Amino acid sequence: MSMLEKLVLPEIRELIDCKDLPTLRDILREWIPPDLAALVEDLQPEEQAFVFRALETRAAAEVFGYLDFKIRKHLVASLPIGEVTKILNGLTPDDRTRFLEVLCGQLTS
């Protein structure tokens, strides 16, 4: 966990608990995708989905690309299909194809 995450994680969790999406959106807008991905990975699954709802589509797609497959899979299952579609469409074609191939491979095995 980076110093930034240690400093803001309690405040982020408080915003999530209070369901304060506008303030969370304003705070996270300033973060770079690798830092956002690290933050998401430190959160509980239900918190991860809430944070993703706070991100703009472009940022969500960029952050999604940095996440572990298990977290990506959870987000796909947790977020509304419209949001998932926007995130997947925001990925590079190669990243999107790679993710969907692994996901489909897990569903069929």
PDB file of N, CA and C in Angstrom:
ATOM      1  N   MET A   1       0.849  -1.169   0.000  1.00  0.00           N
ATOM      2  CA  MET A   1       0.000   0.000   0.000  1.00  0.00           C
ATOM      3  C   MET A   1       0.897   1.236   0.000  1.00  0.00           C
ATOM      4  N   SER A   2       0.623   2.140  -0.912  1.00  0.00           N
ATOM      5  CA  SER A   2       1.430   3.354  -1.006  1.00  0.00           C
ATOM      6  C   SER A   2       1.064   4.327   0.112  1.00  0.00           C
ATOM      7  N   MET A   3       1.910   5.315   0.297  1.00  0.00           N
ATOM      8  CA  MET A   3       1.660   6.330   1.322  1.00  0.00           C
ATOM      9  C   MET A   3       0.345   7.066   1.038  1.00  0.00           C
ATOM     10  N   LEU A   4       0.096   7.366  -0.233  1.00  0.00           N
ATOM     11  CA  LEU A   4      -1.139   8.050  -0.608  1.00  0.00           C
ATOM     12  C   LEU A   4      -2.352   7.236  -0.182  1.00  0.00           C
ATOM     13  N   GLU A   5      -2.313   5.942  -0.454  1.00  0.00           N
ATOM     14  CA  GLU A   5      -3.438   5.085  -0.076  1.00  0.00           C
ATOM     15  C   GLU A   5      -3.628   5.048   1.433  1.00  0.00           C
ATOM     16  N   LYS A   6      -2.520   4.931   2.179  1.00  0.00           N
ATOM     17  CA  LYS A   6      -2.606   4.887   3.637  1.00  0.00           C
ATOM     18  C   LYS A   6      -3.242   6.155   4.183  1.00  0.00           C
ATOM     19  N   LEU A   7      -2.904   7.282   3.576  1.00  0.00           N
ATOM     20  CA  LEU A   7      -3.422   8.561   4.053  1.00  0.00           C
ATOM     21  C   LEU A   7      -4.901   8.757   3.750  1.00  0.00           C
ATOM     22  N   VAL A   8      -5.349   8.306   2.594  1.00  0.00           N
ATOM     23  CA  VAL A   8      -6.722   8.622   2.182  1.00  0.00           C
ATOM     24  C   VAL A   8      -7.697   7.459   2.298  1.00  0.00           C
ATOM     25  N   LEU A   9      -7.220   6.248   2.510  1.00  0.00           N
ATOM     26  CA  LEU A   9      -8.118   5.103   2.554  1.00  0.00           C
ATOM     27  C   LEU A   9      -9.247   5.274   3.577  1.00  0.00           C
ATOM     28  N   PRO A  10      -8.968   5.745   4.792  1.00  0.00           N
ATOM     29  CA  PRO A  10     -10.089   5.941   5.735  1.00  0.00           C
ATOM     30  C   PRO A  10     -11.129   6.950   5.225  1.00  0.00           C
ATOM     31  N   GLU A  11     -10.665   8.017   4.601  1.00  0.00           N
ATOM     32  CA  GLU A  11     -11.591   9.026   4.079  1.00  0.00           C
ATOM     33  C   GLU A  11     -12.392   8.476   2.901  1.00  0.00           C
ATOM     34  N   ILE A  12     -11.739   7.705   2.046  1.00  0.00           N
ATOM     35  CA  ILE A  12     -12.432   7.085   0.910  1.00  0.00           C
ATOM     36  C   ILE A  12     -13.519   6.145   1.430  1.00  0.00           C
ATOM     37  N   ARG A  13     -13.160   5.341   2.417  1.00  0.00           N
ATOM     38  CA  ARG A  13     -14.147   4.412   2.998  1.00  0.00           C
ATOM     39  C   ARG A  13     -15.318   5.164   3.634  1.00  0.00           C
ATOM     40  N   GLU A  14     -15.043   6.288   4.254  1.00  0.00           N
ATOM     41  CA  GLU A  14     -16.117   7.080   4.858  1.00  0.00           C
ATOM     42  C   GLU A  14     -17.068   7.611   3.786  1.00  0.00           C
ATOM     43  N   LEU A  15     -16.505   8.086   2.668  1.00  0.00           N
ATOM     44  CA  LEU A  15     -17.343   8.560   1.568  1.00  0.00           C
ATOM     45  C   LEU A  15     -18.190   7.427   0.990  1.00  0.00           C
ATOM     46  N   ILE A  16     -17.595   6.240   0.903  1.00  0.00           N
ATOM     47  CA  ILE A  16     -18.335   5.081   0.405  1.00  0.00           C
ATOM     48  C   ILE A  16     -19.469   4.735   1.376  1.00  0.00           C
ATOM     49  N   ASP A  17     -19.156   4.694   2.666  1.00  0.00           N
ATOM     50  CA  ASP A  17     -20.169   4.380   3.681  1.00  0.00           C
ATOM     51  C   ASP A  17     -21.320   5.375   3.663  1.00  0.00           C
ATOM     52  N   CYS A  18     -20.998   6.641   3.417  1.00  0.00           N
ATOM     53  CA  CYS A  18     -22.019   7.695   3.366  1.00  0.00           C
ATOM     54  C   CYS A  18     -22.695   7.779   1.996  1.00  0.00           C
ATOM     55  N   LYS A  19     -22.224   6.970   1.056  1.00  0.00           N
ATOM     56  CA  LYS A  19     -22.748   6.972  -0.318  1.00  0.00           C
ATOM     57  C   LYS A  19     -22.621   8.352  -0.964  1.00  0.00           C
ATOM     58  N   ASP A  20     -21.499   9.038  -0.663  1.00  0.00           N
ATOM     59  CA  ASP A  20     -21.263  10.385  -1.177  1.00  0.00           C
ATOM     60  C   ASP A  20     -20.529  10.309  -2.521  1.00  0.00           C
ATOM     61  N   LEU A  21     -21.267   9.924  -3.533  1.00  0.00           N
ATOM     62  CA  LEU A  21     -20.701   9.746  -4.865  1.00  0.00           C
ATOM     63  C   LEU A  21     -20.128  11.041  -5.451  1.00  0.00           C
ATOM     64  N   PRO A  22     -20.801  12.191  -5.328  1.00  0.00           N
ATOM     65  CA  PRO A  22     -20.237  13.428  -5.907  1.00  0.00           C
ATOM     66  C   PRO A  22     -18.871  13.809  -5.321  1.00  0.00           C
ATOM     67  N   THR A  23     -18.729  13.738  -4.000  1.00  0.00           N
ATOM     68  CA  THR A  23     -17.448  14.100  -3.386  1.00  0.00           C
ATOM     69  C   THR A  23     -16.382  13.090  -3.763  1.00  0.00           C
ATOM     70  N   LEU A  24     -16.728  11.810  -3.750  1.00  0.00           N
ATOM     71  CA  LEU A  24     -15.777  10.775  -4.144  1.00  0.00           C
ATOM     72  C   LEU A  24     -15.325  10.992  -5.588  1.00  0.00           C
ATOM     73  N   ARG A  25     -16.252  11.312  -6.459  1.00  0.00           N
ATOM     74  CA  ARG A  25     -15.933  11.576  -7.873  1.00  0.00           C
ATOM     75  C   ARG A  25     -14.951  12.740  -7.990  1.00  0.00           C
ATOM     76  N   ASP A  26     -15.188  13.804  -7.236  1.00  0.00           N
ATOM     77  CA  ASP A  26     -14.299  14.969  -7.279  1.00  0.00           C
ATOM     78  C   ASP A  26     -12.888  14.621  -6.803  1.00  0.00           C
ATOM     79  N   ILE A  27     -12.787  13.859  -5.746  1.00  0.00           N
ATOM     80  CA  ILE A  27     -11.482  13.484  -5.199  1.00  0.00           C
ATOM     81  C   ILE A  27     -10.726  12.574  -6.170  1.00  0.00           C
ATOM     82  N   LEU A  28     -11.408  11.567  -6.679  1.00  0.00           N
ATOM     83  CA  LEU A  28     -10.732  10.577  -7.526  1.00  0.00           C
ATOM     84  C   LEU A  28     -10.381  11.116  -8.906  1.00  0.00           C
ATOM     85  N   ARG A  29     -11.023  12.174  -9.314  1.00  0.00           N
ATOM     86  CA  ARG A  29     -10.765  12.767 -10.633  1.00  0.00           C
ATOM     87  C   ARG A  29      -9.297  13.196 -10.775  1.00  0.00           C
ATOM     88  N   GLU A  30      -8.662  13.512  -9.659  1.00  0.00           N
ATOM     89  CA  GLU A  30      -7.278  13.990  -9.668  1.00  0.00           C
ATOM     90  C   GLU A  30      -6.239  12.862  -9.652  1.00  0.00           C
ATOM     91  N   TRP A  31      -6.672  11.640  -9.435  1.00  0.00           N
ATOM     92  CA  TRP A  31      -5.733  10.514  -9.307  1.00  0.00           C
ATOM     93  C   TRP A  31      -5.356   9.961 -10.677  1.00  0.00           C
ATOM     94  N   ILE A  32      -4.165   9.401 -10.775  1.00  0.00           N
ATOM     95  CA  ILE A  32      -3.743   8.747 -12.018  1.00  0.00           C
ATOM     96  C   ILE A  32      -4.179   7.279 -11.960  1.00  0.00           C
ATOM     97  N   PRO A  33      -4.419   6.662 -13.128  1.00  0.00           N
ATOM     98  CA  PRO A  33      -4.951   5.300 -13.160  1.00  0.00           C
ATOM     99  C   PRO A  33      -4.185   4.255 -12.328  1.00  0.00           C
ATOM    100  N   PRO A  34      -2.841   4.228 -12.349  1.00  0.00           N
ATOM    101  CA  PRO A  34      -2.172   3.204 -11.522  1.00  0.00           C
ATOM    102  C   PRO A  34      -2.460   3.362 -10.025  1.00  0.00           C
ATOM    103  N   ASP A  35      -2.545   4.607  -9.552  1.00  0.00           N
ATOM    104  CA  ASP A  35      -2.862   4.845  -8.143  1.00  0.00           C
ATOM    105  C   ASP A  35      -4.310   4.468  -7.835  1.00  0.00           C
ATOM    106  N   LEU A  36      -5.205   4.756  -8.757  1.00  0.00           N
ATOM    107  CA  LEU A  36      -6.604   4.365  -8.576  1.00  0.00           C
ATOM    108  C   LEU A  36      -6.743   2.849  -8.528  1.00  0.00           C
ATOM    109  N   ALA A  37      -6.011   2.166  -9.396  1.00  0.00           N
ATOM    110  CA  ALA A  37      -6.062   0.695  -9.405  1.00  0.00           C
ATOM    111  C   ALA A  37      -5.555   0.134  -8.080  1.00  0.00           C
ATOM    112  N   ALA A  38      -4.484   0.701  -7.557  1.00  0.00           N
ATOM    113  CA  ALA A  38      -3.957   0.239  -6.268  1.00  0.00           C
ATOM    114  C   ALA A  38      -4.978   0.474  -5.161  1.00  0.00           C
ATOM    115  N   LEU A  39      -5.652   1.608  -5.201  1.00  0.00           N
ATOM    116  CA  LEU A  39      -6.693   1.894  -4.223  1.00  0.00           C
ATOM    117  C   LEU A  39      -7.816   0.868  -4.328  1.00  0.00           C
ATOM    118  N   VAL A  40      -8.294   0.629  -5.533  1.00  0.00           N
ATOM    119  CA  VAL A  40      -9.383  -0.327  -5.748  1.00  0.00           C
ATOM    120  C   VAL A  40      -9.001  -1.702  -5.214  1.00  0.00           C
ATOM    121  N   GLU A  41      -7.768  -2.106  -5.445  1.00  0.00           N
ATOM    122  CA  GLU A  41      -7.331  -3.427  -4.990  1.00  0.00           C
ATOM    123  C   GLU A  41      -7.308  -3.535  -3.470  1.00  0.00           C
ATOM    124  N   ASP A  42      -7.183  -2.406  -2.761  1.00  0.00           N
ATOM    125  CA  ASP A  42      -7.166  -2.420  -1.296  1.00  0.00           C
ATOM    126  C   ASP A  42      -8.564  -2.383  -0.686  1.00  0.00           C
ATOM    127  N   LEU A  43      -9.579  -2.208  -1.504  1.00  0.00           N
ATOM    128  CA  LEU A  43     -10.952  -2.109  -1.008  1.00  0.00           C
ATOM    129  C   LEU A  43     -11.656  -3.466  -1.026  1.00  0.00           C
ATOM    130  N   GLN A  44     -12.745  -3.546  -0.288  1.00  0.00           N
ATOM    131  CA  GLN A  44     -13.600  -4.730  -0.306  1.00  0.00           C
ATOM    132  C   GLN A  44     -14.375  -4.745  -1.622  1.00  0.00           C
ATOM    133  N   PRO A  45     -14.828  -5.922  -2.070  1.00  0.00           N
ATOM    134  CA  PRO A  45     -15.525  -6.002  -3.362  1.00  0.00           C
ATOM    135  C   PRO A  45     -16.678  -5.015  -3.540  1.00  0.00           C
ATOM    136  N   GLU A  46     -17.519  -4.851  -2.524  1.00  0.00           N
ATOM    137  CA  GLU A  46     -18.647  -3.920  -2.682  1.00  0.00           C
ATOM    138  C   GLU A  46     -18.164  -2.474  -2.752  1.00  0.00           C
ATOM    139  N   GLU A  47     -17.045  -2.178  -2.084  1.00  0.00           N
ATOM    140  CA  GLU A  47     -16.462  -0.837  -2.148  1.00  0.00           C
ATOM    141  C   GLU A  47     -15.855  -0.592  -3.526  1.00  0.00           C
ATOM    142  N   GLN A  48     -15.265  -1.621  -4.105  1.00  0.00           N
ATOM    143  CA  GLN A  48     -14.660  -1.504  -5.429  1.00  0.00           C
ATOM    144  C   GLN A  48     -15.695  -1.067  -6.464  1.00  0.00           C
ATOM    145  N   ALA A  49     -16.846  -1.710  -6.431  1.00  0.00           N
ATOM    146  CA  ALA A  49     -17.899  -1.383  -7.396  1.00  0.00           C
ATOM    147  C   ALA A  49     -18.374   0.060  -7.206  1.00  0.00           C
ATOM    148  N   PHE A  50     -18.487   0.512  -5.954  1.00  0.00           N
ATOM    149  CA  PHE A  50     -18.930   1.886  -5.699  1.00  0.00           C
ATOM    150  C   PHE A  50     -17.912   2.879  -6.255  1.00  0.00           C
ATOM    151  N   VAL A  51     -16.632   2.607  -6.040  1.00  0.00           N
ATOM    152  CA  VAL A  51     -15.583   3.490  -6.564  1.00  0.00           C
ATOM    153  C   VAL A  51     -15.651   3.535  -8.083  1.00  0.00           C
ATOM    154  N   PHE A  52     -15.878   2.394  -8.715  1.00  0.00           N
ATOM    155  CA  PHE A  52     -15.956   2.385 -10.177  1.00  0.00           C
ATOM    156  C   PHE A  52     -17.134   3.208 -10.681  1.00  0.00           C
ATOM    157  N   ARG A  53     -18.220   3.222  -9.941  1.00  0.00           N
ATOM    158  CA  ARG A  53     -19.357   4.050 -10.337  1.00  0.00           C
ATOM    159  C   ARG A  53     -19.019   5.540 -10.233  1.00  0.00           C
ATOM    160  N   ALA A  54     -18.041   5.877  -9.402  1.00  0.00           N
ATOM    161  CA  ALA A  54     -17.636   7.278  -9.237  1.00  0.00           C
ATOM    162  C   ALA A  54     -16.697   7.749 -10.344  1.00  0.00           C
ATOM    163  N   LEU A  55     -16.088   6.825 -11.062  1.00  0.00           N
ATOM    164  CA  LEU A  55     -15.098   7.195 -12.081  1.00  0.00           C
ATOM    165  C   LEU A  55     -15.770   7.557 -13.396  1.00  0.00           C
ATOM    166  N   GLU A  56     -15.173   8.505 -14.097  1.00  0.00           N
ATOM    167  CA  GLU A  56     -15.610   8.807 -15.448  1.00  0.00           C
ATOM    168  C   GLU A  56     -15.272   7.600 -16.319  1.00  0.00           C
ATOM    169  N   THR A  57     -15.998   7.430 -17.399  1.00  0.00           N
ATOM    170  CA  THR A  57     -15.852   6.231 -18.238  1.00  0.00           C
ATOM    171  C   THR A  57     -14.414   6.008 -18.697  1.00  0.00           C
ATOM    172  N   ARG A  58     -13.783   7.047 -19.162  1.00  0.00           N
ATOM    173  CA  ARG A  58     -12.403   6.903 -19.658  1.00  0.00           C
ATOM    174  C   ARG A  58     -11.463   6.452 -18.540  1.00  0.00           C
ATOM    175  N   ALA A  59     -11.592   7.085 -17.381  1.00  0.00           N
ATOM    176  CA  ALA A  59     -10.751   6.715 -16.232  1.00  0.00           C
ATOM    177  C   ALA A  59     -11.046   5.288 -15.802  1.00  0.00           C
ATOM    178  N   ALA A  60     -12.319   4.905 -15.785  1.00  0.00           N
ATOM    179  CA  ALA A  60     -12.690   3.546 -15.384  1.00  0.00           C
ATOM    180  C   ALA A  60     -12.051   2.519 -16.315  1.00  0.00           C
ATOM    181  N   ALA A  61     -12.053   2.790 -17.605  1.00  0.00           N
ATOM    182  CA  ALA A  61     -11.445   1.866 -18.562  1.00  0.00           C
ATOM    183  C   ALA A  61      -9.936   1.772 -18.345  1.00  0.00           C
ATOM    184  N   GLU A  62      -9.297   2.902 -18.086  1.00  0.00           N
ATOM    185  CA  GLU A  62      -7.852   2.891 -17.852  1.00  0.00           C
ATOM    186  C   GLU A  62      -7.515   2.135 -16.576  1.00  0.00           C
ATOM    187  N   VAL A  63      -8.258   2.382 -15.510  1.00  0.00           N
ATOM    188  CA  VAL A  63      -8.018   1.709 -14.237  1.00  0.00           C
ATOM    189  C   VAL A  63      -8.272   0.213 -14.385  1.00  0.00           C
ATOM    190  N   PHE A  64      -9.334  -0.147 -15.081  1.00  0.00           N
ATOM    191  CA  PHE A  64      -9.690  -1.544 -15.302  1.00  0.00           C
ATOM    192  C   PHE A  64      -8.509  -2.316 -15.883  1.00  0.00           C
ATOM    193  N   GLY A  65      -7.781  -1.674 -16.780  1.00  0.00           N
ATOM    194  CA  GLY A  65      -6.633  -2.304 -17.411  1.00  0.00           C
ATOM    195  C   GLY A  65      -5.493  -2.638 -16.458  1.00  0.00           C
ATOM    196  N   TYR A  66      -5.430  -1.980 -15.322  1.00  0.00           N
ATOM    197  CA  TYR A  66      -4.372  -2.222 -14.338  1.00  0.00           C
ATOM    198  C   TYR A  66      -4.753  -3.279 -13.297  1.00  0.00           C
ATOM    199  N   LEU A  67      -6.015  -3.648 -13.243  1.00  0.00           N
ATOM    200  CA  LEU A  67      -6.490  -4.524 -12.172  1.00  0.00           C
ATOM    201  C   LEU A  67      -6.219  -5.998 -12.439  1.00  0.00           C
ATOM    202  N   ASP A  68      -6.126  -6.731 -11.353  1.00  0.00           N
ATOM    203  CA  ASP A  68      -6.012  -8.181 -11.388  1.00  0.00           C
ATOM    204  C   ASP A  68      -7.287  -8.765 -12.017  1.00  0.00           C
ATOM    205  N   PHE A  69      -7.151  -9.895 -12.705  1.00  0.00           N
ATOM    206  CA  PHE A  69      -8.291 -10.500 -13.397  1.00  0.00           C
ATOM    207  C   PHE A  69      -9.450 -10.793 -12.440  1.00  0.00           C
ATOM    208  N   LYS A  70      -9.148 -11.260 -11.244  1.00  0.00           N
ATOM    209  CA  LYS A  70     -10.205 -11.596 -10.277  1.00  0.00           C
ATOM    210  C   LYS A  70     -11.059 -10.367  -9.954  1.00  0.00           C
ATOM    211  N   ILE A  71     -10.415  -9.226  -9.785  1.00  0.00           N
ATOM    212  CA  ILE A  71     -11.155  -7.995  -9.499  1.00  0.00           C
ATOM    213  C   ILE A  71     -11.940  -7.562 -10.728  1.00  0.00           C
ATOM    214  N   ARG A  72     -11.348  -7.676 -11.898  1.00  0.00           N
ATOM    215  CA  ARG A  72     -12.065  -7.332 -13.132  1.00  0.00           C
ATOM    216  C   ARG A  72     -13.334  -8.164 -13.262  1.00  0.00           C
ATOM    217  N   LYS A  73     -13.183  -9.459 -13.008  1.00  0.00           N
ATOM    218  CA  LYS A  73     -14.318 -10.375 -13.125  1.00  0.00           C
ATOM    219  C   LYS A  73     -15.421  -9.980 -12.140  1.00  0.00           C
ATOM    220  N   HIS A  74     -15.044  -9.655 -10.922  1.00  0.00           N
ATOM    221  CA  HIS A  74     -16.031  -9.229  -9.920  1.00  0.00           C
ATOM    222  C   HIS A  74     -16.741  -7.952 -10.374  1.00  0.00           C
ATOM    223  N   LEU A  75     -15.994  -6.997 -10.899  1.00  0.00           N
ATOM    224  CA  LEU A  75     -16.596  -5.737 -11.341  1.00  0.00           C
ATOM    225  C   LEU A  75     -17.584  -5.967 -12.482  1.00  0.00           C
ATOM    226  N   VAL A  76     -17.229  -6.841 -13.403  1.00  0.00           N
ATOM    227  CA  VAL A  76     -18.129  -7.151 -14.516  1.00  0.00           C
ATOM    228  C   VAL A  76     -19.438  -7.736 -13.984  1.00  0.00           C
ATOM    229  N   ALA A  77     -19.337  -8.555 -12.948  1.00  0.00           N
ATOM    230  CA  ALA A  77     -20.533  -9.165 -12.358  1.00  0.00           C
ATOM    231  C   ALA A  77     -21.323  -8.177 -11.494  1.00  0.00           C
ATOM    232  N   SER A  78     -20.655  -7.160 -10.949  1.00  0.00           N
ATOM    233  CA  SER A  78     -21.283  -6.256  -9.981  1.00  0.00           C
ATOM    234  C   SER A  78     -21.886  -4.995 -10.587  1.00  0.00           C
ATOM    235  N   LEU A  79     -21.295  -4.510 -11.654  1.00  0.00           N
ATOM    236  CA  LEU A  79     -21.739  -3.241 -12.237  1.00  0.00           C
ATOM    237  C   LEU A  79     -22.880  -3.455 -13.224  1.00  0.00           C
ATOM    238  N   PRO A  80     -23.715  -2.446 -13.403  1.00  0.00           N
ATOM    239  CA  PRO A  80     -24.770  -2.540 -14.422  1.00  0.00           C
ATOM    240  C   PRO A  80     -24.156  -2.777 -15.806  1.00  0.00           C
ATOM    241  N   ILE A  81     -24.861  -3.508 -16.619  1.00  0.00           N
ATOM    242  CA  ILE A  81     -24.336  -3.900 -17.940  1.00  0.00           C
ATOM    243  C   ILE A  81     -23.951  -2.684 -18.786  1.00  0.00           C
ATOM    244  N   GLY A  82     -24.684  -1.605 -18.665  1.00  0.00           N
ATOM    245  CA  GLY A  82     -24.346  -0.396 -19.430  1.00  0.00           C
ATOM    246  C   GLY A  82     -22.986   0.158 -19.045  1.00  0.00           C
ATOM    247  N   GLU A  83     -22.674   0.147 -17.747  1.00  0.00           N
ATOM    248  CA  GLU A  83     -21.364   0.621 -17.291  1.00  0.00           C
ATOM    249  C   GLU A  83     -20.256  -0.325 -17.734  1.00  0.00           C
ATOM    250  N   VAL A  84     -20.527  -1.625 -17.656  1.00  0.00           N
ATOM    251  CA  VAL A  84     -19.535  -2.614 -18.084  1.00  0.00           C
ATOM    252  C   VAL A  84     -19.239  -2.437 -19.570  1.00  0.00           C
ATOM    253  N   THR A  85     -20.275  -2.240 -20.350  1.00  0.00           N
ATOM    254  CA  THR A  85     -20.106  -2.046 -21.795  1.00  0.00           C
ATOM    255  C   THR A  85     -19.231  -0.834 -22.082  1.00  0.00           C
ATOM    256  N   LYS A  86     -19.482   0.274 -21.378  1.00  0.00           N
ATOM    257  CA  LYS A  86     -18.675   1.478 -21.577  1.00  0.00           C
ATOM    258  C   LYS A  86     -17.217   1.234 -21.198  1.00  0.00           C
ATOM    259  N   ILE A  87     -17.003   0.529 -20.088  1.00  0.00           N
ATOM    260  CA  ILE A  87     -15.631   0.248 -19.656  1.00  0.00           C
ATOM    261  C   ILE A  87     -14.925  -0.632 -20.673  1.00  0.00           C
ATOM    262  N   LEU A  88     -15.582  -1.711 -21.088  1.00  0.00           N
ATOM    263  CA  LEU A  88     -14.956  -2.622 -22.056  1.00  0.00           C
ATOM    264  C   LEU A  88     -14.707  -1.931 -23.386  1.00  0.00           C
ATOM    265  N   ASN A  89     -15.616  -1.076 -23.812  1.00  0.00           N
ATOM    266  CA  ASN A  89     -15.415  -0.332 -25.055  1.00  0.00           C
ATOM    267  C   ASN A  89     -14.275   0.671 -24.939  1.00  0.00           C
ATOM    268  N   GLY A  90     -13.962   1.098 -23.710  1.00  0.00           N
ATOM    269  CA  GLY A  90     -12.865   2.033 -23.498  1.00  0.00           C
ATOM    270  C   GLY A  90     -11.491   1.386 -23.475  1.00  0.00           C
ATOM    271  N   LEU A  91     -11.467   0.051 -23.380  1.00  0.00           N
ATOM    272  CA  LEU A  91     -10.183  -0.661 -23.403  1.00  0.00           C
ATOM    273  C   LEU A  91      -9.632  -0.685 -24.819  1.00  0.00           C
ATOM    274  N   THR A  92      -8.328  -0.878 -24.929  1.00  0.00           N
ATOM    275  CA  THR A  92      -7.766  -1.081 -26.260  1.00  0.00           C
ATOM    276  C   THR A  92      -8.327  -2.392 -26.795  1.00  0.00           C
ATOM    277  N   PRO A  93      -8.440  -2.523 -28.102  1.00  0.00           N
ATOM    278  CA  PRO A  93      -8.984  -3.770 -28.655  1.00  0.00           C
ATOM    279  C   PRO A  93      -8.238  -5.017 -28.167  1.00  0.00           C
ATOM    280  N   ASP A  94      -6.919  -4.943 -28.082  1.00  0.00           N
ATOM    281  CA  ASP A  94      -6.148  -6.107 -27.627  1.00  0.00           C
ATOM    282  C   ASP A  94      -6.454  -6.453 -26.175  1.00  0.00           C
ATOM    283  N   ASP A  95      -6.522  -5.435 -25.307  1.00  0.00           N
ATOM    284  CA  ASP A  95      -6.833  -5.679 -23.896  1.00  0.00           C
ATOM    285  C   ASP A  95      -8.242  -6.242 -23.734  1.00  0.00           C
ATOM    286  N   ARG A  96      -9.184  -5.694 -24.473  1.00  0.00           N
ATOM    287  CA  ARG A  96     -10.565  -6.171 -24.400  1.00  0.00           C
ATOM    288  C   ARG A  96     -10.656  -7.620 -24.849  1.00  0.00           C
ATOM    289  N   THR A  97     -10.010  -7.945 -25.970  1.00  0.00           N
ATOM    290  CA  THR A  97     -10.033  -9.307 -26.482  1.00  0.00           C
ATOM    291  C   THR A  97      -9.393 -10.275 -25.503  1.00  0.00           C
ATOM    292  N   ARG A  98      -8.250  -9.894 -24.957  1.00  0.00           N
ATOM    293  CA  ARG A  98      -7.538 -10.747 -24.000  1.00  0.00           C
ATOM    294  C   ARG A  98      -8.401 -11.017 -22.763  1.00  0.00           C
ATOM    295  N   PHE A  99      -9.030  -9.955 -22.235  1.00  0.00           N
ATOM    296  CA  PHE A  99      -9.883 -10.116 -21.065  1.00  0.00           C
ATOM    297  C   PHE A  99     -11.067 -11.036 -21.366  1.00  0.00           C
ATOM    298  N   LEU A 100     -11.743 -10.805 -22.487  1.00  0.00           N
ATOM    299  CA  LEU A 100     -12.913 -11.612 -22.822  1.00  0.00           C
ATOM    300  C   LEU A 100     -12.533 -13.064 -23.102  1.00  0.00           C
ATOM    301  N   GLU A 101     -11.375 -13.298 -23.702  1.00  0.00           N
ATOM    302  CA  GLU A 101     -10.935 -14.676 -23.931  1.00  0.00           C
ATOM    303  C   GLU A 101     -10.723 -15.408 -22.614  1.00  0.00           C
ATOM    304  N   VAL A 102     -10.055 -14.762 -21.664  1.00  0.00           N
ATOM    305  CA  VAL A 102      -9.825 -15.388 -20.358  1.00  0.00           C
ATOM    306  C   VAL A 102     -11.155 -15.596 -19.636  1.00  0.00           C
ATOM    307  N   LEU A 103     -12.022 -14.588 -19.682  1.00  0.00           N
ATOM    308  CA  LEU A 103     -13.317 -14.697 -19.024  1.00  0.00           C
ATOM    309  C   LEU A 103     -14.136 -15.837 -19.625  1.00  0.00           C
ATOM    310  N   CYS A 104     -14.189 -15.912 -20.931  1.00  0.00           N
ATOM    311  CA  CYS A 104     -14.948 -16.981 -21.590  1.00  0.00           C
ATOM    312  C   CYS A 104     -14.321 -18.347 -21.300  1.00  0.00           C
ATOM    313  N   GLY A 105     -13.004 -18.392 -21.238  1.00  0.00           N
ATOM    314  CA  GLY A 105     -12.319 -19.639 -20.913  1.00  0.00           C
ATOM    315  C   GLY A 105     -12.671 -20.128 -19.516  1.00  0.00           C
ATOM    316  N   GLN A 106     -12.834 -19.222 -18.583  1.00  0.00           N
ATOM    317  CA  GLN A 106     -13.202 -19.598 -17.218  1.00  0.00           C
ATOM    318  C   GLN A 106     -14.662 -20.020 -17.130  1.00  0.00           C
ATOM    319  N   LEU A 107     -15.495 -19.422 -17.946  1.00  0.00           N
ATOM    320  CA  LEU A 107     -16.923 -19.767 -17.908  1.00  0.00           C
ATOM    321  C   LEU A 107     -17.183 -21.150 -18.496  1.00  0.00           C
ATOM    322  N   THR A 108     -16.353 -21.555 -19.438  1.00  0.00           N
ATOM    323  CA  THR A 108     -16.573 -22.850 -20.077  1.00  0.00           C
ATOM    324  C   THR A 108     -15.849 -23.998 -19.390  1.00  0.00           C
ATOM    325  N   SER A 109     -14.944 -23.654 -18.451  1.00  0.00           N
ATOM    326  CA  SER A 109     -14.197 -24.740 -17.791  1.00  0.00           C
ATOM    327  C   SER A 109     -14.803 -25.096 -16.453  1.00  0.00           C
TER     328      SER A 109
END
